[in-house]
Each structure stands twice: as C-alpha cells, then as structure tokens.
C-alpha cells in the first residue's frame, strides 16, 4: 500500500519501502543544529539552508546527495533543542528518512509530527557505512543493507504514528479527521 500525502498543497508519495543510499552516518548524541551551523537556526529559507547544509562536514555534501537518500544516526540522535531548519535543509537535499539507534524524544516528536519517517533500529550505526544501499520498510522498522546482505529488525511505529506519516504530518492528519464537508 502506498499513501498519497499532501504537504503544503503539493502531493507527496510515501512508499511502503524506502530504497536509498546512506548519505551520512552520525555518531551518538548528535545535535542536528550542526547540520546547518548554529548561527543559521533562525532561518527558514529553504535555498539558504540548502546552501549551508553540512558545510562544516563536507562542502559538497549537497551535490553528492540524491533524492531518496537516508541519514543514519547513533543513540540519542537529535538531542538538544529540536529546531526545524536543519531538517528543512536535509529534505531539500533529498533526504527522505532517518534511521537511528534511538532518537531524542523532542526531536522524534517534532520531526514525526512534520511527517518525516524516523525509524528506530538499535545497532544500525554499527552495520552501515556511507553510501551503503538500504531498503527500509518504515511500517515494520525492518532495515536491510543491500550491499552487506543483512537485515535488522527495529521498533515498529505505533498505529497513530503510521497515520501521521501516511498523512504527511500531524496537521494534515488533523485536518482530514476534523474537516466538515
């Protein structure tokens, strides 16, 4: 089953299986503000955020990423303040999901509510390398590393989380549930 979603009035398709390369592997306790630099966390301009995305790590990161790529993180990914601009930059670059050993609660809640699949898969950061190809069944949290012929079972999202992701976020879901004809 594939869900057609609407975000900002543009249809978005979240396939059952995400197939993409690992664009970056972050370690434990990663603060997502570092993706764009803390000096840029007040900007919401997509083009500007894309221009500073990962510059402190690799100046041509955005040029190497392809639509459909994934980010992998260690334990407590996204700790700190859950600012949205870093994920605006990653999405603009083509990142479609993040798979991590675990997520900081505030980050998980904020980005899930914005419609980004965050897959909890303990041990994932030990089993992937940059540019490995992953197949992710986000509903079951099953992550297969195609290049290494191995599969890990993560923690499946709740039924409500699945509804949120299928709708493109909490806001579109609530609109569909409470709108009157």
Protein backbone atom coordinates (compact mmCIF):
# COMPACT_ATOMS: atom_id res chain seq x y z
CA UNK A 1 0.00 0.00 0.00
CA UNK A 2 1.33 3.43 -0.92
CA UNK A 3 -0.12 6.56 0.57
CA UNK A 4 -0.58 9.80 -1.35
CA UNK A 5 0.01 12.69 1.00
CA UNK A 6 -0.42 16.43 0.69
CA UNK A 7 2.10 18.76 2.26
CA UNK A 8 1.88 22.48 1.56
CA UNK A 9 -0.78 21.57 -1.01
CA UNK A 10 1.72 19.55 -3.07
CA UNK A 11 1.11 15.80 -3.32
CA UNK A 12 3.82 13.72 -1.67
CA UNK A 13 4.11 9.99 -2.02
CA UNK A 14 5.48 7.94 0.89
CA UNK A 15 6.17 4.47 -0.49
CA UNK A 16 5.96 1.38 1.69
CA UNK A 17 9.63 0.64 1.07
CA UNK A 18 12.25 3.35 1.06
CA UNK A 19 15.28 2.47 -1.05
CA UNK A 20 18.22 4.82 -0.82
CA UNK A 21 21.86 5.30 -0.07
CA UNK A 22 23.28 6.24 3.31
CA UNK A 23 24.28 9.84 2.71
CA UNK A 24 25.91 10.24 6.13
CA UNK A 25 26.39 8.31 9.36
CA UNK A 26 26.32 10.41 12.53
CA UNK A 27 27.52 9.15 15.91
CA UNK A 28 25.80 9.18 19.28
CA UNK A 29 24.25 12.31 20.82
CA UNK A 30 24.26 14.27 17.58
CA UNK A 31 22.79 17.78 17.75
CA UNK A 32 21.02 18.41 14.43
CA UNK A 33 21.70 22.15 14.62
CA UNK A 34 25.24 21.32 13.50
CA UNK A 35 23.84 20.27 10.09
CA UNK A 36 23.43 23.94 9.16
CA UNK A 37 25.55 25.61 11.84
CA UNK A 38 24.07 27.07 14.99
CA UNK A 39 24.35 30.58 13.55
CA UNK A 40 21.70 29.64 10.94
CA UNK A 41 18.98 28.06 13.09
CA UNK A 42 16.66 31.04 12.81
CA UNK A 43 16.37 30.87 9.04
CA UNK A 44 13.52 29.04 7.36
CA UNK A 45 14.54 29.93 3.79
CA UNK A 46 14.99 26.61 2.01
CA UNK A 47 17.54 27.81 -0.57
CA UNK A 48 19.72 29.43 2.09
CA UNK A 49 19.53 26.37 4.35
CA UNK A 50 20.46 24.13 1.44
CA UNK A 51 23.49 26.35 0.74
CA UNK A 52 24.83 25.82 4.28
CA UNK A 53 23.75 22.19 4.70
CA UNK A 54 26.63 20.09 6.10
CA UNK A 55 29.25 22.69 5.13
CA UNK A 56 31.15 22.13 8.37
CA UNK A 57 31.48 18.43 7.48
CA UNK A 58 31.75 18.34 3.69
CA UNK A 59 31.40 21.40 1.49
CA UNK A 60 29.97 19.46 -1.47
CA UNK A 61 27.62 17.22 0.55
CA UNK A 62 24.50 18.59 -1.16
CA UNK A 63 26.00 17.87 -4.59
CA UNK A 64 26.55 14.21 -3.68
CA UNK A 65 23.12 13.50 -2.19
CA UNK A 66 20.40 12.07 -4.39
CA UNK A 67 16.66 12.25 -3.86
CA UNK A 68 15.71 9.25 -1.77
CA UNK A 69 18.91 9.06 0.29
CA UNK A 70 18.86 8.40 4.02
CA UNK A 71 20.69 9.56 7.11
CA UNK A 72 21.84 7.09 9.78
CA UNK A 73 22.49 8.08 13.37
CA UNK A 74 23.65 6.56 16.61
CA UNK A 75 21.98 6.71 20.00
CA UNK A 76 20.03 9.82 21.05
CA UNK A 77 20.07 11.34 17.56
CA UNK A 78 18.76 14.90 17.61
CA UNK A 79 19.46 15.72 21.24
CA UNK A 80 19.33 19.37 22.26
CA UNK A 81 16.72 21.80 21.08
CA UNK A 82 14.55 20.35 18.30
CA UNK A 83 14.96 23.11 15.73
CA UNK A 84 13.33 22.52 12.35
CA UNK A 85 15.67 24.37 9.94
CA UNK A 86 18.32 21.60 9.81
CA UNK A 87 15.69 19.13 8.61
CA UNK A 88 14.35 21.62 6.09
CA UNK A 89 17.87 21.61 4.64
CA UNK A 90 18.15 17.81 4.61
CA UNK A 91 14.75 17.38 2.99
CA UNK A 92 15.62 19.98 0.36
CA UNK A 93 18.80 18.00 -0.36
CA UNK A 94 16.73 14.85 -0.97
CA UNK A 95 16.86 13.01 2.36
CA UNK A 96 13.62 11.03 2.85
CA UNK A 97 14.12 9.40 6.27
CA UNK A 98 16.46 8.96 9.21
CA UNK A 99 17.31 5.58 10.71
CA UNK A 100 18.99 5.67 14.12
CA UNK A 101 19.78 3.52 17.12
CA UNK A 102 17.48 5.86 19.08
CA UNK A 103 16.17 9.42 18.93
CA UNK A 104 15.97 12.23 21.46
CA UNK A 105 12.27 12.43 22.43
CA UNK A 106 11.75 16.10 21.45
CA UNK A 107 13.39 15.61 18.07
CA UNK A 108 11.45 12.41 17.37
CA UNK A 109 8.14 14.03 18.23
CA UNK A 110 8.77 17.20 16.23
CA UNK A 111 10.00 15.56 13.06
CA UNK A 112 7.47 12.73 13.15
CA UNK A 113 4.72 15.31 13.53
CA UNK A 114 6.20 17.06 10.46
CA UNK A 115 5.85 13.83 8.50
CA UNK A 116 9.47 12.65 8.29
CA UNK A 117 9.90 8.90 8.85
CA UNK A 118 12.24 8.32 11.80
CA UNK A 119 12.99 4.63 12.13
CA UNK A 120 14.32 3.30 15.43
CA UNK A 121 16.67 0.43 14.71
CA UNK A 122 19.07 -0.35 17.58
CA UNK A 123 22.53 -1.24 16.28
CA UNK A 124 22.07 0.28 12.81
CA UNK A 125 25.01 2.66 13.15
CA UNK A 126 27.37 -0.30 13.66
CA UNK A 127 26.24 -2.08 10.49
CA UNK A 128 26.28 0.58 7.79
CA UNK A 129 28.82 2.72 6.03
CA UNK A 130 28.35 5.81 3.96
CA UNK A 131 26.86 5.06 0.54
CA UNK A 132 25.57 1.60 1.50
CA UNK A 133 22.18 0.98 -0.06
CA UNK A 134 19.35 0.43 2.41
CA UNK A 135 15.84 -0.85 1.92
CA UNK A 136 13.64 0.35 4.75
CA UNK A 137 10.15 -0.90 5.49
CA UNK A 138 9.24 2.04 7.70
CA UNK A 139 5.98 0.47 8.94
CA UNK A 140 7.72 -2.60 10.36
CA UNK A 141 11.08 -0.89 11.01
CA UNK A 142 12.83 -3.61 9.03
CA UNK A 143 16.09 -2.29 7.59
CA UNK A 144 18.05 -4.27 5.01
CA UNK A 145 21.56 -3.34 3.98
CA UNK A 146 21.55 -4.46 0.36
CA UNK A 147 25.34 -4.13 -0.01
CA UNK A 148 26.10 -6.28 3.02
CA UNK A 149 23.19 -8.70 2.65
CA UNK A 150 21.96 -8.21 6.20
CA UNK A 151 18.71 -7.21 7.82
CA UNK A 152 17.96 -5.64 11.19
CA UNK A 153 14.60 -5.51 12.92
CA UNK A 154 13.84 -2.19 14.55
CA UNK A 155 10.99 -0.90 16.70
CA UNK A 156 7.83 -0.54 14.60
CA UNK A 157 5.95 2.74 14.94
CA UNK A 158 2.59 2.89 16.64
CA UNK A 159 -0.63 2.80 14.65
CA UNK A 160 -1.08 6.55 15.23
CA UNK A 161 2.46 7.32 14.09
CA UNK A 162 1.78 5.39 10.89
CA UNK A 163 -1.36 7.50 10.34
CA UNK A 164 0.67 10.69 10.91
CA UNK A 165 3.34 9.65 8.40
CA UNK A 166 0.81 8.49 5.82
CA UNK A 167 -0.90 11.88 6.08
CA UNK A 168 2.30 13.88 5.72
CA UNK A 169 2.30 15.08 9.31
CA UNK A 170 0.04 15.85 12.22
CA UNK A 171 -1.52 18.97 10.75
CA UNK A 172 -2.75 17.34 7.52
CA UNK A 173 -3.98 14.35 9.53
CA UNK A 174 -5.99 16.52 11.92
CA UNK A 175 -7.43 18.50 9.01
CA UNK A 176 -8.63 15.29 7.39
CA UNK A 177 -10.09 13.96 10.63
CA UNK A 178 -11.90 17.12 11.68
CA UNK A 179 -12.83 18.85 8.44
CA UNK A 180 -16.51 19.10 7.65
CA UNK A 181 -17.92 18.91 4.14
